[in-house]
Amino acid sequence: MMDLMIVILLMAIAIGPMISSFFPSFAAMADQHRRAVMTAGAQGTLNRLTGLSYATLYPHMGYPTSLAAVLGGPATAQETVSFNGQTYVPEVSITDASSGIGGLIKISVTLDTIVFKTLKADF
């Protein structure tokens, strides 16, 4: 009986560290999932904004820009992202990228730690 207890103790000592070595990979997978969700949300918001005309976006230049003003009221509810019980709202900025000449704006969308930027021209 004592031999069996010693074997179980030795196996516990050997298996414990092996199991705990998997925890960093589990944490990395969870972080990768969060980044994928945030990336999809930010990309969707940026796609909706780039679909608007330059004339629609230009009057809303600023940091941060109100999504409700740009997209028109309740449409901003579509832009929120829920993950693990928390709700994230993208932060949008529309700035002049033409060095004062006009005709070019930069659109930036930030969601959690994900940032997407693009340019839109008046042509």
N, C-alpha and C. Protein backbone atom coordinates (compact mmCIF):
# COMPACT_ATOMS: atom_id res chain seq x y z
N MET A 1 0.81 -1.19 0.00
CA MET A 1 0.00 0.00 0.00
C MET A 1 0.87 1.27 0.00
N MET A 2 1.96 1.22 0.73
CA MET A 2 2.86 2.36 0.78
C MET A 2 3.51 2.60 -0.57
N ASP A 3 3.80 1.52 -1.30
CA ASP A 3 4.40 1.66 -2.64
C ASP A 3 3.46 2.40 -3.58
N LEU A 4 2.20 2.10 -3.49
CA LEU A 4 1.21 2.74 -4.34
C LEU A 4 1.12 4.24 -4.03
N MET A 5 1.18 4.61 -2.78
CA MET A 5 1.14 6.02 -2.39
C MET A 5 2.38 6.76 -2.88
N ILE A 6 3.53 6.10 -2.83
CA ILE A 6 4.77 6.73 -3.31
C ILE A 6 4.69 6.93 -4.82
N VAL A 7 4.16 5.96 -5.54
CA VAL A 7 4.02 6.09 -7.00
C VAL A 7 3.07 7.23 -7.34
N ILE A 8 1.97 7.35 -6.64
CA ILE A 8 1.02 8.43 -6.88
C ILE A 8 1.66 9.78 -6.57
N LEU A 9 2.42 9.87 -5.51
CA LEU A 9 3.11 11.10 -5.16
C LEU A 9 4.13 11.49 -6.23
N LEU A 10 4.92 10.51 -6.70
CA LEU A 10 5.91 10.80 -7.74
C LEU A 10 5.24 11.23 -9.05
N MET A 11 4.13 10.61 -9.39
CA MET A 11 3.41 11.00 -10.61
C MET A 11 2.83 12.40 -10.47
N ALA A 12 2.33 12.74 -9.30
CA ALA A 12 1.80 14.09 -9.07
C ALA A 12 2.90 15.13 -9.19
N ILE A 13 4.08 14.79 -8.68
CA ILE A 13 5.21 15.72 -8.78
C ILE A 13 5.63 15.89 -10.23
N ALA A 14 5.57 14.84 -11.03
CA ALA A 14 5.99 14.90 -12.43
C ALA A 14 4.92 15.51 -13.32
N ILE A 15 3.65 15.22 -13.08
CA ILE A 15 2.58 15.66 -13.96
C ILE A 15 2.16 17.11 -13.68
N GLY A 16 2.25 17.55 -12.45
CA GLY A 16 1.83 18.91 -12.09
C GLY A 16 2.50 19.98 -12.94
N PRO A 17 3.83 20.01 -13.03
CA PRO A 17 4.48 21.04 -13.86
C PRO A 17 4.15 20.90 -15.34
N MET A 18 3.94 19.68 -15.80
CA MET A 18 3.59 19.51 -17.22
C MET A 18 2.23 20.14 -17.52
N ILE A 19 1.29 19.96 -16.63
CA ILE A 19 -0.03 20.55 -16.84
C ILE A 19 0.04 22.08 -16.76
N SER A 20 0.78 22.60 -15.81
CA SER A 20 0.87 24.06 -15.67
C SER A 20 1.62 24.70 -16.84
N SER A 21 2.40 23.93 -17.57
CA SER A 21 3.10 24.50 -18.73
C SER A 21 2.15 24.83 -19.86
N PHE A 22 0.94 24.30 -19.83
CA PHE A 22 -0.04 24.60 -20.88
C PHE A 22 -0.78 25.92 -20.64
N PHE A 23 -0.76 26.46 -19.44
CA PHE A 23 -1.52 27.65 -19.13
C PHE A 23 -1.14 28.87 -19.97
N PRO A 24 0.14 29.15 -20.26
CA PRO A 24 0.45 30.29 -21.12
C PRO A 24 -0.15 30.18 -22.51
N SER A 25 -0.20 28.97 -23.05
CA SER A 25 -0.79 28.82 -24.38
C SER A 25 -2.30 29.03 -24.34
N PHE A 26 -2.95 28.62 -23.24
CA PHE A 26 -4.38 28.88 -23.11
C PHE A 26 -4.65 30.37 -23.01
N ALA A 27 -3.82 31.08 -22.29
CA ALA A 27 -3.98 32.53 -22.17
C ALA A 27 -3.75 33.22 -23.52
N ALA A 28 -2.78 32.75 -24.27
CA ALA A 28 -2.51 33.32 -25.59
C ALA A 28 -3.68 33.09 -26.54
N MET A 29 -4.30 31.93 -26.46
CA MET A 29 -5.46 31.65 -27.31
C MET A 29 -6.63 32.57 -26.95
N ALA A 30 -6.83 32.84 -25.68
CA ALA A 30 -7.91 33.74 -25.25
C ALA A 30 -7.64 35.15 -25.75
N ASP A 31 -6.39 35.61 -25.67
CA ASP A 31 -6.04 36.93 -26.15
C ASP A 31 -6.20 37.01 -27.66
N GLN A 32 -5.85 35.95 -28.36
CA GLN A 32 -6.01 35.94 -29.82
C GLN A 32 -7.48 36.04 -30.19
N HIS A 33 -8.34 35.40 -29.46
CA HIS A 33 -9.78 35.48 -29.72
C HIS A 33 -10.28 36.91 -29.50
N ARG A 34 -9.85 37.55 -28.43
CA ARG A 34 -10.25 38.94 -28.16
C ARG A 34 -9.79 39.87 -29.28
N ARG A 35 -8.53 39.69 -29.72
CA ARG A 35 -8.03 40.53 -30.81
C ARG A 35 -8.78 40.31 -32.10
N ALA A 36 -9.17 39.07 -32.38
CA ALA A 36 -9.93 38.78 -33.60
C ALA A 36 -11.30 39.45 -33.56
N VAL A 37 -11.95 39.42 -32.41
CA VAL A 37 -13.26 40.06 -32.27
C VAL A 37 -13.13 41.57 -32.43
N MET A 38 -12.13 42.17 -31.77
CA MET A 38 -11.93 43.62 -31.85
C MET A 38 -11.53 44.05 -33.27
N THR A 39 -10.71 43.24 -33.93
CA THR A 39 -10.30 43.56 -35.29
C THR A 39 -11.50 43.56 -36.23
N ALA A 40 -12.36 42.58 -36.10
CA ALA A 40 -13.55 42.52 -36.94
C ALA A 40 -14.47 43.71 -36.69
N GLY A 41 -14.62 44.09 -35.42
CA GLY A 41 -15.47 45.24 -35.11
C GLY A 41 -14.91 46.54 -35.66
N ALA A 42 -13.61 46.76 -35.48
CA ALA A 42 -12.98 47.99 -35.98
C ALA A 42 -13.01 48.04 -37.50
N GLN A 43 -12.76 46.91 -38.12
CA GLN A 43 -12.77 46.87 -39.58
C GLN A 43 -14.17 47.13 -40.13
N GLY A 44 -15.19 46.60 -39.47
CA GLY A 44 -16.56 46.85 -39.90
C GLY A 44 -16.92 48.32 -39.81
N THR A 45 -16.52 48.97 -38.71
CA THR A 45 -16.79 50.40 -38.56
C THR A 45 -16.06 51.21 -39.61
N LEU A 46 -14.80 50.87 -39.86
CA LEU A 46 -14.03 51.59 -40.88
C LEU A 46 -14.66 51.40 -42.26
N ASN A 47 -15.11 50.21 -42.57
CA ASN A 47 -15.76 49.96 -43.86
C ASN A 47 -17.03 50.79 -44.01
N ARG A 48 -17.82 50.90 -42.95
CA ARG A 48 -19.03 51.72 -43.02
C ARG A 48 -18.69 53.18 -43.23
N LEU A 49 -17.63 53.66 -42.58
CA LEU A 49 -17.26 55.06 -42.74
C LEU A 49 -16.68 55.36 -44.12
N THR A 50 -15.88 54.45 -44.64
CA THR A 50 -15.30 54.70 -45.97
C THR A 50 -16.35 54.57 -47.06
N GLY A 51 -17.47 53.95 -46.75
CA GLY A 51 -18.56 53.88 -47.72
C GLY A 51 -19.31 55.20 -47.86
N LEU A 52 -19.11 56.10 -46.90
CA LEU A 52 -19.75 57.42 -46.97
C LEU A 52 -18.93 58.34 -47.86
N SER A 53 -19.58 59.35 -48.40
CA SER A 53 -18.88 60.28 -49.29
C SER A 53 -17.99 61.24 -48.49
N TYR A 54 -17.06 61.84 -49.19
CA TYR A 54 -16.17 62.83 -48.59
C TYR A 54 -16.98 63.99 -48.04
N ALA A 55 -18.00 64.41 -48.80
CA ALA A 55 -18.84 65.54 -48.38
C ALA A 55 -19.59 65.23 -47.09
N THR A 56 -19.92 63.98 -46.85
CA THR A 56 -20.60 63.60 -45.61
C THR A 56 -19.63 63.58 -44.44
N LEU A 57 -18.42 63.12 -44.67
CA LEU A 57 -17.44 62.99 -43.59
C LEU A 57 -16.77 64.31 -43.21
N TYR A 58 -16.53 65.18 -44.18
CA TYR A 58 -15.75 66.41 -43.94
C TYR A 58 -16.32 67.28 -42.83
N PRO A 59 -17.64 67.51 -42.75
CA PRO A 59 -18.15 68.37 -41.67
C PRO A 59 -17.98 67.78 -40.26
N HIS A 60 -17.68 66.51 -40.17
CA HIS A 60 -17.55 65.84 -38.87
C HIS A 60 -16.10 65.66 -38.44
N MET A 61 -15.20 66.46 -38.98
CA MET A 61 -13.79 66.32 -38.61
C MET A 61 -13.62 66.64 -37.13
N GLY A 62 -12.79 65.86 -36.46
CA GLY A 62 -12.50 66.07 -35.06
C GLY A 62 -12.03 64.79 -34.41
N TYR A 63 -11.56 64.94 -33.17
CA TYR A 63 -11.10 63.78 -32.42
C TYR A 63 -11.63 63.87 -31.01
N PRO A 64 -12.43 63.00 -30.53
CA PRO A 64 -13.09 61.94 -31.29
C PRO A 64 -14.31 62.49 -32.03
N THR A 65 -14.71 61.81 -33.04
CA THR A 65 -15.88 62.18 -33.82
C THR A 65 -17.07 61.39 -33.30
N SER A 66 -18.22 62.03 -33.26
CA SER A 66 -19.43 61.37 -32.80
C SER A 66 -19.95 60.44 -33.89
N LEU A 67 -19.97 59.14 -33.60
CA LEU A 67 -20.51 58.18 -34.58
C LEU A 67 -21.99 58.42 -34.82
N ALA A 68 -22.70 58.84 -33.78
CA ALA A 68 -24.14 59.10 -33.93
C ALA A 68 -24.37 60.22 -34.94
N ALA A 69 -23.53 61.24 -34.93
CA ALA A 69 -23.69 62.34 -35.87
C ALA A 69 -23.35 61.92 -37.30
N VAL A 70 -22.29 61.15 -37.44
CA VAL A 70 -21.85 60.74 -38.78
C VAL A 70 -22.79 59.71 -39.39
N LEU A 71 -23.14 58.69 -38.60
CA LEU A 71 -23.94 57.59 -39.14
C LEU A 71 -25.44 57.81 -38.97
N GLY A 72 -25.82 58.77 -38.18
CA GLY A 72 -27.23 59.07 -38.05
C GLY A 72 -27.94 58.33 -36.94
N GLY A 73 -27.72 58.74 -35.71
CA GLY A 73 -28.48 58.27 -34.57
C GLY A 73 -28.27 56.83 -34.17
N PRO A 74 -29.37 56.04 -34.17
CA PRO A 74 -29.29 54.68 -33.61
C PRO A 74 -28.40 53.72 -34.39
N ALA A 75 -27.88 54.13 -35.51
CA ALA A 75 -26.99 53.25 -36.28
C ALA A 75 -25.72 52.93 -35.49
N THR A 76 -25.38 53.77 -34.51
CA THR A 76 -24.16 53.53 -33.74
C THR A 76 -24.29 52.28 -32.88
N ALA A 77 -25.52 51.86 -32.58
CA ALA A 77 -25.69 50.64 -31.78
C ALA A 77 -25.13 49.43 -32.51
N GLN A 78 -25.12 49.48 -33.82
CA GLN A 78 -24.55 48.38 -34.61
C GLN A 78 -23.04 48.34 -34.48
N GLU A 79 -22.43 49.43 -34.07
CA GLU A 79 -20.98 49.51 -34.02
C GLU A 79 -20.40 49.01 -32.70
N THR A 80 -21.22 48.79 -31.70
CA THR A 80 -20.70 48.32 -30.42
C THR A 80 -20.30 46.85 -30.51
N VAL A 81 -19.28 46.49 -29.76
CA VAL A 81 -18.78 45.12 -29.73
C VAL A 81 -18.85 44.62 -28.29
N SER A 82 -19.48 43.49 -28.08
CA SER A 82 -19.54 42.89 -26.75
C SER A 82 -18.61 41.70 -26.70
N PHE A 83 -17.80 41.65 -25.64
CA PHE A 83 -16.86 40.56 -25.48
C PHE A 83 -16.68 40.28 -24.00
N ASN A 84 -16.92 39.05 -23.59
CA ASN A 84 -16.80 38.63 -22.18
C ASN A 84 -17.57 39.54 -21.23
N GLY A 85 -18.77 39.91 -21.62
CA GLY A 85 -19.62 40.71 -20.75
C GLY A 85 -19.32 42.19 -20.75
N GLN A 86 -18.35 42.64 -21.52
CA GLN A 86 -18.04 44.06 -21.60
C GLN A 86 -18.42 44.57 -22.98
N THR A 87 -18.86 45.82 -23.03
CA THR A 87 -19.24 46.44 -24.29
C THR A 87 -18.18 47.47 -24.67
N TYR A 88 -17.73 47.40 -25.90
CA TYR A 88 -16.71 48.32 -26.41
C TYR A 88 -17.33 49.14 -27.54
N VAL A 89 -17.05 50.44 -27.54
CA VAL A 89 -17.54 51.33 -28.59
C VAL A 89 -16.31 51.88 -29.31
N PRO A 90 -16.31 51.79 -30.64
CA PRO A 90 -15.14 52.29 -31.38
C PRO A 90 -15.01 53.81 -31.26
N GLU A 91 -13.77 54.26 -31.17
CA GLU A 91 -13.47 55.68 -31.14
C GLU A 91 -13.00 56.09 -32.53
N VAL A 92 -13.65 57.07 -33.11
CA VAL A 92 -13.38 57.47 -34.50
C VAL A 92 -12.84 58.89 -34.52
N SER A 93 -11.82 59.10 -35.34
CA SER A 93 -11.34 60.46 -35.57
C SER A 93 -11.23 60.69 -37.07
N ILE A 94 -11.64 61.88 -37.46
CA ILE A 94 -11.53 62.30 -38.87
C ILE A 94 -10.72 63.58 -38.86
N THR A 95 -9.55 63.54 -39.48
CA THR A 95 -8.65 64.69 -39.46
C THR A 95 -8.22 65.06 -40.87
N ASP A 96 -7.75 66.29 -41.02
CA ASP A 96 -7.27 66.78 -42.31
C ASP A 96 -5.90 66.18 -42.58
N ALA A 97 -5.76 65.51 -43.71
CA ALA A 97 -4.48 64.88 -44.07
C ALA A 97 -3.83 65.58 -45.25
N SER A 98 -4.35 66.76 -45.63
CA SER A 98 -3.85 67.43 -46.83
C SER A 98 -2.93 68.60 -46.52
N SER A 99 -2.51 68.75 -45.28
CA SER A 99 -1.64 69.86 -44.86
C SER A 99 -2.27 71.22 -45.15
N GLY A 100 -3.58 71.30 -44.99
CA GLY A 100 -4.28 72.57 -45.16
C GLY A 100 -4.74 72.87 -46.57
N ILE A 101 -4.37 72.07 -47.53
CA ILE A 101 -4.76 72.31 -48.92
C ILE A 101 -6.22 71.92 -49.14
N GLY A 102 -6.66 70.89 -48.45
CA GLY A 102 -8.04 70.41 -48.59
C GLY A 102 -8.11 69.26 -49.57
N GLY A 103 -9.18 68.50 -49.46
CA GLY A 103 -9.40 67.41 -50.41
C GLY A 103 -8.94 66.04 -49.94
N LEU A 104 -8.35 65.95 -48.74
CA LEU A 104 -7.88 64.66 -48.25
C LEU A 104 -8.08 64.60 -46.73
N ILE A 105 -8.77 63.56 -46.28
CA ILE A 105 -8.97 63.37 -44.85
C ILE A 105 -8.47 62.00 -44.43
N LYS A 106 -8.08 61.90 -43.16
CA LYS A 106 -7.64 60.63 -42.60
C LYS A 106 -8.70 60.17 -41.60
N ILE A 107 -9.13 58.91 -41.76
CA ILE A 107 -10.11 58.33 -40.86
C ILE A 107 -9.40 57.28 -40.02
N SER A 108 -9.53 57.39 -38.69
CA SER A 108 -8.93 56.42 -37.77
C SER A 108 -10.02 55.82 -36.90
N VAL A 109 -9.99 54.51 -36.77
CA VAL A 109 -10.94 53.80 -35.90
C VAL A 109 -10.12 53.02 -34.88
N THR A 110 -10.40 53.26 -33.59
CA THR A 110 -9.72 52.56 -32.50
C THR A 110 -10.75 51.79 -31.69
N LEU A 111 -10.49 50.52 -31.51
CA LEU A 111 -11.36 49.67 -30.70
C LEU A 111 -10.47 48.85 -29.78
N ASP A 112 -10.52 49.16 -28.50
CA ASP A 112 -9.65 48.54 -27.51
C ASP A 112 -8.20 48.86 -27.88
N THR A 113 -7.40 47.91 -28.32
CA THR A 113 -6.01 48.19 -28.70
C THR A 113 -5.81 48.12 -30.21
N ILE A 114 -6.87 47.90 -30.96
CA ILE A 114 -6.78 47.76 -32.42
C ILE A 114 -7.03 49.11 -33.06
N VAL A 115 -6.15 49.53 -33.98
CA VAL A 115 -6.28 50.81 -34.68
C VAL A 115 -6.20 50.56 -36.18
N PHE A 116 -7.20 51.09 -36.91
CA PHE A 116 -7.19 51.05 -38.37
C PHE A 116 -7.25 52.49 -38.87
N LYS A 117 -6.48 52.78 -39.92
CA LYS A 117 -6.47 54.12 -40.51
C LYS A 117 -6.56 54.01 -42.01
N THR A 118 -7.20 55.00 -42.62
CA THR A 118 -7.26 55.07 -44.07
C THR A 118 -7.43 56.52 -44.49
N LEU A 119 -7.22 56.77 -45.77
CA LEU A 119 -7.38 58.11 -46.32
C LEU A 119 -8.57 58.13 -47.26
N LYS A 120 -9.24 59.28 -47.35
CA LYS A 120 -10.36 59.47 -48.27
C LYS A 120 -10.17 60.80 -48.96
N ALA A 121 -10.29 60.78 -50.28
CA ALA A 121 -10.07 61.98 -51.08
C ALA A 121 -11.38 62.51 -51.65
N ASP A 122 -11.39 63.80 -51.88
CA ASP A 122 -12.53 64.46 -52.53
C ASP A 122 -12.17 64.54 -54.01
N PHE A 123 -12.78 63.66 -54.78
CA PHE A 123 -12.47 63.66 -56.22
C PHE A 123 -13.72 63.70 -57.04
